[in-house]
Structure formats: C-alpha cells, structure tokens
Amino acid sequence: MVSEAPAGNSRPRPWLLVALGVAVAIFLANWMWPMTSATPAAPTSNQARSTQRRTEPEINPADLEIRLDALSAARPEAGAVERNPFRFQPKPPPPAPPAPKTPPGPLVNELPATPPGPPPPPPIPLKFIGIVEKEGLKVAAMSDCRSTYYGTEGQVIDGRYRLIKIGVESLVIEYVDGRGRTPIRLEGCPAR
C-alpha cells in the first residue's frame, strides 16, 4: 500500500495576508507623506546664492587693449632686502665705531703685584656621627673614619680642632687658631 502524505493547505492564511498588507501600507504612507515640522526649515546656503543676482561691472572695451610695449619696458632694480622671515626681533643697533688706538706708553701709576696671602687651611676631615644629650649637656660624636672623638661646645678635639656649636643636625668646628670655621652635617662614615 502506498500511503499518501496529507496535502498541506495550499491557500495562504488570511491573517498573514492582512499583516503583510498593513506593513506595505505603513511603508508607503511614510515614504510618500510630506514631512511637516513646527518650525520652517531654513534655506541652505546654495539656495540663498542661487536667488541672488550678480551684478557685474560694465567693461569698457578700451580696457581690453593689450599693451605689449609695457612688457619690454625696463624694470626697477631690486634694492637691498634686510627682511628675515625667521627672526622676530627688532633690528640690532649698528656697531659702535672702533676706539682710537693710543700708542702704548710707560704706565706711571702701576702698582706692584701684591704677594698672595697664606693658603687656606685644609678642610677638616671629621664627620659628625651622632649626639647624646643628658641633663642639658650635649656631647657630639665625631669620627675621621679611623677613630671616634667626643666633645662638648668649646672643647678642643684631637688637639687640633675646637668645637664651636652643637646643633640638632649639624655642628660648627674650626682649627684651634681660629681659621677654617666649617659647619659639618650629621652623617656617617662610608661603609668599609
């Protein structure tokens, strides 16, 4: 036996046709309907130009004459140009005239050269490494990175230096004879 498949409905469904018709009607209405707005559209610049009429000046036929002799006439020569487009500064003043040369003569008021003073003392090699304060007495610790010295204000250190003032982060020291007063900041010796 041959079985036949039930034949499908060959007719389109009516609700599908109605929906398709409504969609086409909306599309055509939007496409063909004129768009209106509350404010009138401003004309574009091209429309404004096309409405204006150009008035061209009258041309005199005598002005159209070609003067070939003016082309062969001598032209003025170019002068010296002092314009520099890469410089935005005022023009510098002209150089001063050279001073008149006087013949060298013997100088009468020449002073003899003063002898140089004594050389400055060498820098103090001590480093300020710490401070101890107890009952109002400040003791500074100094080192020349070989040995350590301790002292209070006014005391002579290592027989060569006098400690003038001890501050919070520095001290002032000088040679015993009063030369070479130097402030020294709180720092340590370099690592060995």
Protein backbone atom coordinates (compact mmCIF):
# COMPACT_ATOMS: atom_id res chain seq x y z
CA MET A 1 0.00 0.00 0.00
CA VAL A 2 1.06 3.33 -0.88
CA SER A 3 0.49 5.86 1.78
CA GLU A 4 -0.20 9.36 0.81
CA ALA A 5 1.03 12.24 2.88
CA PRO A 6 -1.70 14.64 3.82
CA ALA A 7 -1.64 17.52 1.45
CA GLY A 8 -0.82 20.82 3.08
CA ASN A 9 -3.09 23.76 2.83
CA SER A 10 -2.14 25.40 -0.44
CA ARG A 11 -4.02 28.56 0.38
CA PRO A 12 -2.20 31.23 2.34
CA ARG A 13 -3.53 32.00 5.70
CA PRO A 14 -5.73 35.10 5.73
CA TRP A 15 -4.22 36.76 8.84
CA LEU A 16 -0.74 36.59 7.27
CA LEU A 17 -2.01 38.38 4.14
CA VAL A 18 -3.65 41.09 6.25
CA ALA A 19 -0.45 41.70 8.26
CA LEU A 20 1.63 41.94 5.09
CA GLY A 21 -0.85 44.40 3.56
CA VAL A 22 -0.78 46.63 6.67
CA ALA A 23 3.07 46.68 6.66
CA VAL A 24 3.17 47.69 2.99
CA ALA A 25 0.56 50.42 3.61
CA ILE A 26 2.58 51.88 6.52
CA PHE A 27 5.76 51.84 4.45
CA LEU A 28 4.12 53.63 1.51
CA ALA A 29 2.44 56.17 3.78
CA ASN A 30 5.76 57.11 5.42
CA TRP A 31 7.54 57.27 2.12
CA MET A 32 5.02 59.40 0.27
CA TRP A 33 3.62 61.54 3.09
CA PRO A 34 5.15 65.04 3.27
CA MET A 35 7.06 65.70 6.45
CA THR A 36 5.89 68.74 8.37
CA SER A 37 7.57 70.37 11.34
CA ALA A 38 6.62 73.12 13.75
CA THR A 39 9.40 75.43 12.50
CA PRO A 40 10.03 76.18 8.87
CA ALA A 41 13.30 74.83 7.53
CA ALA A 42 15.99 77.42 6.90
CA PRO A 43 17.16 77.59 3.32
CA THR A 44 20.57 76.16 2.65
CA SER A 45 23.43 78.36 1.57
CA ASN A 46 23.25 77.07 -2.01
CA GLN A 47 19.61 78.12 -2.35
CA ALA A 48 20.35 81.57 -0.97
CA ARG A 49 23.11 82.09 -3.52
CA SER A 50 21.02 80.95 -6.43
CA THR A 51 18.31 83.53 -5.66
CA GLN A 52 20.73 86.45 -5.59
CA ARG A 53 21.55 88.11 -8.85
CA ARG A 54 25.05 89.01 -9.64
CA THR A 55 25.68 92.47 -10.91
CA GLU A 56 28.85 92.54 -12.89
CA PRO A 57 30.53 95.87 -13.56
CA GLU A 58 30.41 97.29 -17.00
CA ILE A 59 33.54 96.50 -19.01
CA ASN A 60 34.97 99.25 -21.12
CA PRO A 61 36.32 97.90 -24.45
CA ALA A 62 39.29 100.31 -24.18
CA ASP A 63 40.43 98.45 -21.07
CA LEU A 64 40.75 95.24 -23.08
CA GLU A 65 43.61 96.64 -25.16
CA ILE A 66 46.84 94.67 -24.87
CA ARG A 67 49.93 96.77 -24.35
CA LEU A 68 52.90 94.66 -25.46
CA ASP A 69 55.33 97.57 -25.22
CA ALA A 70 54.84 97.62 -21.43
CA LEU A 71 56.22 94.07 -21.27
CA SER A 72 59.54 95.07 -22.81
CA ALA A 73 59.99 98.20 -20.65
CA ALA A 74 62.88 98.30 -18.16
CA ARG A 75 62.01 97.18 -14.67
CA PRO A 76 63.31 98.80 -11.49
CA GLU A 77 66.23 97.00 -9.84
CA ALA A 78 65.70 95.21 -6.56
CA GLY A 79 67.14 97.08 -3.59
CA ALA A 80 68.92 95.59 -0.61
CA VAL A 81 66.50 93.46 1.35
CA GLU A 82 67.01 93.22 5.10
CA ARG A 83 63.99 91.10 5.87
CA ASN A 84 64.41 87.79 7.68
CA PRO A 85 61.16 85.83 7.98
CA PHE A 86 62.69 83.52 10.59
CA ARG A 87 63.59 86.26 13.06
CA PHE A 88 61.03 88.12 15.13
CA GLN A 89 63.25 90.65 16.83
CA PRO A 90 63.86 94.33 16.26
CA LYS A 91 66.79 95.25 14.09
CA PRO A 92 70.01 95.39 16.18
CA PRO A 93 71.70 98.78 16.51
CA PRO A 94 74.73 99.38 14.31
CA PRO A 95 78.10 98.51 15.85
CA ALA A 96 79.95 101.24 17.71
CA PRO A 97 82.82 102.88 15.86
CA PRO A 98 86.23 101.47 16.79
CA ALA A 99 88.03 103.29 19.59
CA PRO A 100 91.08 105.29 18.56
CA LYS A 101 94.27 103.42 19.23
CA THR A 102 96.73 105.12 21.53
CA PRO A 103 100.37 104.19 21.44
CA PRO A 104 101.42 102.15 24.45
CA GLY A 105 103.50 104.23 26.81
CA PRO A 106 105.05 103.63 30.19
CA LEU A 107 102.48 103.31 32.92
CA VAL A 108 103.40 105.54 35.83
CA ASN A 109 100.73 104.54 38.35
CA GLU A 110 101.24 100.81 38.06
CA LEU A 111 101.18 99.14 41.46
CA PRO A 112 103.49 96.27 42.25
CA ALA A 113 101.79 92.89 42.45
CA THR A 114 100.75 92.05 45.99
CA PRO A 115 102.13 88.79 47.28
CA PRO A 116 99.48 86.13 47.68
CA GLY A 117 98.24 85.52 51.19
CA PRO A 118 98.74 82.30 53.02
CA PRO A 119 96.91 79.36 51.52
CA PRO A 120 93.59 78.47 53.12
CA PRO A 121 93.71 75.74 55.73
CA PRO A 122 92.91 72.22 54.58
CA PRO A 123 89.32 71.06 55.13
CA ILE A 124 88.53 69.46 58.47
CA PRO A 125 88.31 65.68 57.87
CA LEU A 126 85.91 64.88 60.73
CA LYS A 127 82.36 63.61 60.23
CA PHE A 128 79.53 64.30 62.69
CA ILE A 129 78.12 60.87 63.50
CA GLY A 130 75.84 61.46 66.48
CA ILE A 131 74.77 63.44 69.52
CA VAL A 132 74.00 62.48 73.11
CA GLU A 133 72.03 64.85 75.32
CA LYS A 134 71.61 64.17 79.04
CA GLU A 135 70.51 66.63 81.72
CA GLY A 136 71.14 69.66 79.47
CA LEU A 137 74.65 68.56 78.45
CA LYS A 138 75.20 67.93 74.72
CA VAL A 139 78.04 65.65 73.69
CA ALA A 140 78.86 65.32 69.96
CA ALA A 141 80.41 62.19 68.49
CA MET A 142 82.78 62.75 65.58
CA SER A 143 84.91 60.39 63.55
CA ASP A 144 87.64 60.55 60.94
CA CYS A 145 86.56 57.02 59.87
CA ARG A 146 89.51 55.55 61.80
CA SER A 147 88.84 56.67 65.36
CA THR A 148 85.97 58.31 67.24
CA TYR A 149 86.15 61.60 69.20
CA TYR A 150 83.68 63.04 71.72
CA GLY A 151 83.34 66.64 72.84
CA THR A 152 81.11 69.42 74.16
CA GLU A 153 80.85 73.04 72.97
CA GLY A 154 84.14 74.93 73.43
CA GLN A 155 86.23 71.77 73.92
CA VAL A 156 89.38 71.01 71.86
CA ILE A 157 89.12 67.79 69.83
CA ASP A 158 92.24 65.76 68.96
CA GLY A 159 94.42 68.73 69.95
CA ARG A 160 93.74 70.40 66.53
CA TYR A 161 90.06 71.41 66.36
CA ARG A 162 87.74 73.44 68.59
CA LEU A 163 84.03 72.53 68.74
CA ILE A 164 82.13 75.85 68.50
CA LYS A 165 78.44 74.88 68.47
CA ILE A 166 76.38 71.69 68.51
CA GLY A 167 73.03 71.86 66.69
CA VAL A 168 70.29 69.33 66.08
CA GLU A 169 71.52 68.18 62.65
CA SER A 170 74.94 69.83 62.39
CA LEU A 171 77.85 71.24 64.34
CA VAL A 172 80.35 74.07 63.77
CA ILE A 173 84.05 73.33 64.21
CA GLU A 174 87.28 75.26 63.49
CA TYR A 175 91.02 74.94 63.89
CA VAL A 176 92.39 75.84 67.32
CA ASP A 177 93.98 79.03 65.91
CA GLY A 178 90.54 80.27 64.72
CA ARG A 179 90.92 79.58 60.98
CA GLY A 180 88.72 77.42 58.77
CA ARG A 181 85.37 77.60 60.59
CA THR A 182 83.25 74.86 59.00
CA PRO A 183 79.71 73.55 59.54
CA ILE A 184 79.51 69.74 59.39
CA ARG A 185 76.21 67.94 58.75
CA LEU A 186 75.11 64.84 60.62
CA GLU A 187 76.25 61.88 58.52
CA GLY A 188 78.22 58.72 58.94
CA CYS A 189 81.40 57.27 57.52
CA PRO A 190 81.17 55.28 54.28
CA ALA A 191 80.95 51.51 54.57
CA ARG A 192 84.25 49.67 54.52
